[in-house]
Amino acid sequence: MQHKRIPYAEFYDYDRLEKAAHDLHWEETEENEILLINLHNQLVWHLYRFDKDPRADAILYAVIEAILGEKAADITDVPWELRCVWEGGKKANVFE
Protein backbone atom coordinates (compact mmCIF):
# COMPACT_ATOMS: atom_id res chain seq x y z
CA MET A 1 0.00 0.00 0.00
CA GLN A 2 1.36 3.38 -1.02
CA HIS A 3 1.34 5.97 1.75
CA LYS A 4 0.79 9.62 1.08
CA ARG A 5 2.76 11.83 3.41
CA ILE A 6 0.75 14.45 5.22
CA PRO A 7 2.28 17.92 4.73
CA TYR A 8 4.06 19.17 7.84
CA ALA A 9 2.20 22.50 7.64
CA GLU A 10 -1.10 20.78 8.48
CA PHE A 11 0.20 20.02 11.95
CA TYR A 12 0.97 23.62 12.86
CA ASP A 13 -2.19 25.16 11.45
CA TYR A 14 -3.17 27.53 14.26
CA ASP A 15 -6.89 26.80 13.93
CA ARG A 16 -6.15 23.09 14.41
CA LEU A 17 -4.07 23.82 17.51
CA GLU A 18 -6.86 25.97 18.95
CA LYS A 19 -9.49 23.34 18.20
CA ALA A 20 -7.38 20.67 19.88
CA ALA A 21 -7.00 22.85 22.98
CA HIS A 22 -10.76 23.47 22.97
CA ASP A 23 -11.48 19.74 22.58
CA LEU A 24 -9.20 19.10 25.57
CA HIS A 25 -11.41 21.54 27.53
CA TRP A 26 -8.72 24.12 28.10
CA GLU A 27 -9.76 27.41 29.56
CA GLU A 28 -9.24 30.42 27.34
CA THR A 29 -6.63 32.15 29.46
CA GLU A 30 -3.72 34.35 28.52
CA GLU A 31 -1.30 31.64 29.70
CA ASN A 32 -2.90 29.02 27.44
CA GLU A 33 -2.97 31.42 24.51
CA ILE A 34 0.75 32.08 24.96
CA LEU A 35 1.38 28.32 25.09
CA LEU A 36 -0.49 27.89 21.78
CA ILE A 37 1.42 30.72 20.13
CA ASN A 38 4.72 29.28 21.36
CA LEU A 39 3.79 25.78 20.20
CA HIS A 40 2.80 27.14 16.80
CA ASN A 41 6.07 29.03 16.45
CA GLN A 42 8.13 26.05 17.57
CA LEU A 43 6.42 23.88 14.96
CA VAL A 44 6.79 26.46 12.19
CA TRP A 45 10.50 26.81 12.87
CA HIS A 46 11.00 23.07 13.47
CA LEU A 47 12.11 23.75 17.04
CA TYR A 48 9.44 21.70 18.81
CA ARG A 49 10.83 19.07 21.17
CA PHE A 50 8.66 16.35 22.63
CA ASP A 51 8.59 15.90 26.40
CA LYS A 52 9.46 19.49 27.32
CA ASP A 53 5.87 20.54 28.13
CA PRO A 54 3.17 17.90 28.65
CA ARG A 55 0.43 20.42 27.78
CA ALA A 56 1.99 21.15 24.38
CA ASP A 57 2.51 17.42 23.83
CA ALA A 58 -1.17 16.76 24.57
CA ILE A 59 -2.31 19.39 22.07
CA LEU A 60 -0.03 18.13 19.35
CA TYR A 61 -1.03 14.53 20.05
CA ALA A 62 -4.69 15.55 19.65
CA VAL A 63 -3.89 17.32 16.37
CA ILE A 64 -2.07 14.24 15.04
CA GLU A 65 -4.94 12.00 16.11
CA ALA A 66 -7.50 14.26 14.39
CA ILE A 67 -5.52 14.46 11.15
CA LEU A 68 -4.97 10.69 11.06
CA GLY A 69 -8.70 10.18 11.53
CA GLU A 70 -9.69 12.74 8.89
CA LYS A 71 -7.36 11.31 6.30
CA ALA A 72 -7.78 7.64 7.25
CA ALA A 73 -3.99 7.64 7.46
CA ASP A 74 -1.51 5.94 9.74
CA ILE A 75 1.52 7.15 11.65
CA THR A 76 3.86 6.46 8.72
CA ASP A 77 2.12 9.31 6.88
CA VAL A 78 3.09 11.79 9.61
CA PRO A 79 6.39 13.66 9.20
CA TRP A 80 9.10 11.71 11.01
CA GLU A 81 9.97 14.56 13.38
CA LEU A 82 6.43 14.48 14.84
CA ARG A 83 6.10 10.73 15.20
CA CYS A 84 7.78 10.87 18.62
CA VAL A 85 4.71 12.66 19.97
CA TRP A 86 2.46 9.81 18.86
CA GLU A 87 4.84 7.08 20.00
CA GLY A 88 5.60 8.81 23.30
CA GLY A 89 1.93 9.33 24.06
CA LYS A 90 1.07 5.73 23.28
CA LYS A 91 3.96 4.33 25.37
CA ALA A 92 3.16 6.53 28.35
CA ASN A 93 -0.58 6.00 27.87
CA VAL A 94 -1.03 9.55 29.12
CA PHE A 95 -3.32 10.83 26.39
CA GLU A 96 -5.85 7.99 26.34
C-alpha atoms as a PDB file:
ATOM      1  CA  MET A   1       0.000   0.000   0.000  1.00  0.00           C
ATOM      2  CA  GLN A   2       1.358   3.384  -1.021  1.00  0.00           C
ATOM      3  CA  HIS A   3       1.344   5.965   1.750  1.00  0.00           C
ATOM      4  CA  LYS A   4       0.789   9.618   1.078  1.00  0.00           C
ATOM      5  CA  ARG A   5       2.760  11.832   3.412  1.00  0.00           C
ATOM      6  CA  ILE A   6       0.752  14.452   5.222  1.00  0.00           C
ATOM      7  CA  PRO A   7       2.283  17.917   4.731  1.00  0.00           C
ATOM      8  CA  TYR A   8       4.058  19.172   7.836  1.00  0.00           C
ATOM      9  CA  ALA A   9       2.197  22.498   7.641  1.00  0.00           C
ATOM     10  CA  GLU A  10      -1.102  20.775   8.476  1.00  0.00           C
ATOM     11  CA  PHE A  11       0.205  20.021  11.947  1.00  0.00           C
ATOM     12  CA  TYR A  12       0.973  23.621  12.857  1.00  0.00           C
ATOM     13  CA  ASP A  13      -2.193  25.157  11.454  1.00  0.00           C
ATOM     14  CA  TYR A  14      -3.165  27.529  14.255  1.00  0.00           C
ATOM     15  CA  ASP A  15      -6.887  26.797  13.926  1.00  0.00           C
ATOM     16  CA  ARG A  16      -6.153  23.091  14.412  1.00  0.00           C
ATOM     17  CA  LEU A  17      -4.075  23.819  17.506  1.00  0.00           C
ATOM     18  CA  GLU A  18      -6.864  25.973  18.947  1.00  0.00           C
ATOM     19  CA  LYS A  19      -9.494  23.337  18.203  1.00  0.00           C
ATOM     20  CA  ALA A  20      -7.384  20.668  19.884  1.00  0.00           C
ATOM     21  CA  ALA A  21      -7.003  22.854  22.981  1.00  0.00           C
ATOM     22  CA  HIS A  22     -10.759  23.474  22.975  1.00  0.00           C
ATOM     23  CA  ASP A  23     -11.475  19.744  22.578  1.00  0.00           C
ATOM     24  CA  LEU A  24      -9.198  19.103  25.565  1.00  0.00           C
ATOM     25  CA  HIS A  25     -11.414  21.543  27.532  1.00  0.00           C
ATOM     26  CA  TRP A  26      -8.718  24.117  28.098  1.00  0.00           C
ATOM     27  CA  GLU A  27      -9.762  27.414  29.561  1.00  0.00           C
ATOM     28  CA  GLU A  28      -9.239  30.420  27.344  1.00  0.00           C
ATOM     29  CA  THR A  29      -6.629  32.151  29.462  1.00  0.00           C
ATOM     30  CA  GLU A  30      -3.720  34.352  28.516  1.00  0.00           C
ATOM     31  CA  GLU A  31      -1.304  31.642  29.695  1.00  0.00           C
ATOM     32  CA  ASN A  32      -2.900  29.019  27.441  1.00  0.00           C
ATOM     33  CA  GLU A  33      -2.970  31.424  24.506  1.00  0.00           C
ATOM     34  CA  ILE A  34       0.751  32.078  24.959  1.00  0.00           C
ATOM     35  CA  LEU A  35       1.378  28.324  25.087  1.00  0.00           C
ATOM     36  CA  LEU A  36      -0.492  27.893  21.780  1.00  0.00           C
ATOM     37  CA  ILE A  37       1.420  30.716  20.133  1.00  0.00           C
ATOM     38  CA  ASN A  38       4.724  29.282  21.360  1.00  0.00           C
ATOM     39  CA  LEU A  39       3.792  25.779  20.196  1.00  0.00           C
ATOM     40  CA  HIS A  40       2.798  27.137  16.802  1.00  0.00           C
ATOM     41  CA  ASN A  41       6.070  29.033  16.453  1.00  0.00           C
ATOM     42  CA  GLN A  42       8.134  26.051  17.574  1.00  0.00           C
ATOM     43  CA  LEU A  43       6.419  23.882  14.961  1.00  0.00           C
ATOM     44  CA  VAL A  44       6.790  26.460  12.192  1.00  0.00           C
ATOM     45  CA  TRP A  45      10.504  26.813  12.866  1.00  0.00           C
ATOM     46  CA  HIS A  46      10.999  23.066  13.469  1.00  0.00           C
ATOM     47  CA  LEU A  47      12.115  23.754  17.042  1.00  0.00           C
ATOM     48  CA  TYR A  48       9.444  21.700  18.805  1.00  0.00           C
ATOM     49  CA  ARG A  49      10.826  19.073  21.174  1.00  0.00           C
ATOM     50  CA  PHE A  50       8.655  16.354  22.633  1.00  0.00           C
ATOM     51  CA  ASP A  51       8.588  15.897  26.399  1.00  0.00           C
ATOM     52  CA  LYS A  52       9.465  19.488  27.318  1.00  0.00           C
ATOM     53  CA  ASP A  53       5.869  20.540  28.131  1.00  0.00           C
ATOM     54  CA  PRO A  54       3.170  17.899  28.648  1.00  0.00           C
ATOM     55  CA  ARG A  55       0.434  20.420  27.775  1.00  0.00           C
ATOM     56  CA  ALA A  56       1.992  21.146  24.378  1.00  0.00           C
ATOM     57  CA  ASP A  57       2.514  17.419  23.830  1.00  0.00           C
ATOM     58  CA  ALA A  58      -1.170  16.758  24.568  1.00  0.00           C
ATOM     59  CA  ILE A  59      -2.310  19.389  22.072  1.00  0.00           C
ATOM     60  CA  LEU A  60      -0.026  18.129  19.348  1.00  0.00           C
ATOM     61  CA  TYR A  61      -1.030  14.533  20.055  1.00  0.00           C
ATOM     62  CA  ALA A  62      -4.692  15.555  19.654  1.00  0.00           C
ATOM     63  CA  VAL A  63      -3.885  17.316  16.367  1.00  0.00           C
ATOM     64  CA  ILE A  64      -2.071  14.244  15.041  1.00  0.00           C
ATOM     65  CA  GLU A  65      -4.937  12.003  16.110  1.00  0.00           C
ATOM     66  CA  ALA A  66      -7.497  14.265  14.394  1.00  0.00           C
ATOM     67  CA  ILE A  67      -5.516  14.461  11.153  1.00  0.00           C
ATOM     68  CA  LEU A  68      -4.968  10.695  11.055  1.00  0.00           C
ATOM     69  CA  GLY A  69      -8.701  10.184  11.526  1.00  0.00           C
ATOM     70  CA  GLU A  70      -9.695  12.741   8.889  1.00  0.00           C
ATOM     71  CA  LYS A  71      -7.360  11.312   6.296  1.00  0.00           C
ATOM     72  CA  ALA A  72      -7.779   7.640   7.247  1.00  0.00           C
ATOM     73  CA  ALA A  73      -3.992   7.636   7.463  1.00  0.00           C
ATOM     74  CA  ASP A  74      -1.515   5.943   9.736  1.00  0.00           C
ATOM     75  CA  ILE A  75       1.521   7.146  11.645  1.00  0.00           C
ATOM     76  CA  THR A  76       3.856   6.457   8.721  1.00  0.00           C
ATOM     77  CA  ASP A  77       2.119   9.311   6.878  1.00  0.00           C
ATOM     78  CA  VAL A  78       3.088  11.787   9.608  1.00  0.00           C
ATOM     79  CA  PRO A  79       6.388  13.660   9.196  1.00  0.00           C
ATOM     80  CA  TRP A  80       9.096  11.708  11.006  1.00  0.00           C
ATOM     81  CA  GLU A  81       9.965  14.565  13.381  1.00  0.00           C
ATOM     82  CA  LEU A  82       6.434  14.482  14.843  1.00  0.00           C
ATOM     83  CA  ARG A  83       6.100  10.729  15.205  1.00  0.00           C
ATOM     84  CA  CYS A  84       7.785  10.874  18.616  1.00  0.00           C
ATOM     85  CA  VAL A  85       4.706  12.659  19.973  1.00  0.00           C
ATOM     86  CA  TRP A  86       2.457   9.815  18.865  1.00  0.00           C
ATOM     87  CA  GLU A  87       4.836   7.082  19.999  1.00  0.00           C
ATOM     88  CA  GLY A  88       5.603   8.807  23.301  1.00  0.00           C
ATOM     89  CA  GLY A  89       1.934   9.331  24.058  1.00  0.00           C
ATOM     90  CA  LYS A  90       1.072   5.734  23.277  1.00  0.00           C
ATOM     91  CA  LYS A  91       3.956   4.331  25.371  1.00  0.00           C
ATOM     92  CA  ALA A  92       3.163   6.529  28.347  1.00  0.00           C
ATOM     93  CA  ASN A  93      -0.577   5.996  27.869  1.00  0.00           C
ATOM     94  CA  VAL A  94      -1.032   9.553  29.121  1.00  0.00           C
ATOM     95  CA  PHE A  95      -3.321  10.826  26.389  1.00  0.00           C
ATOM     96  CA  GLU A  96      -5.848   7.988  26.342  1.00  0.00           C
END
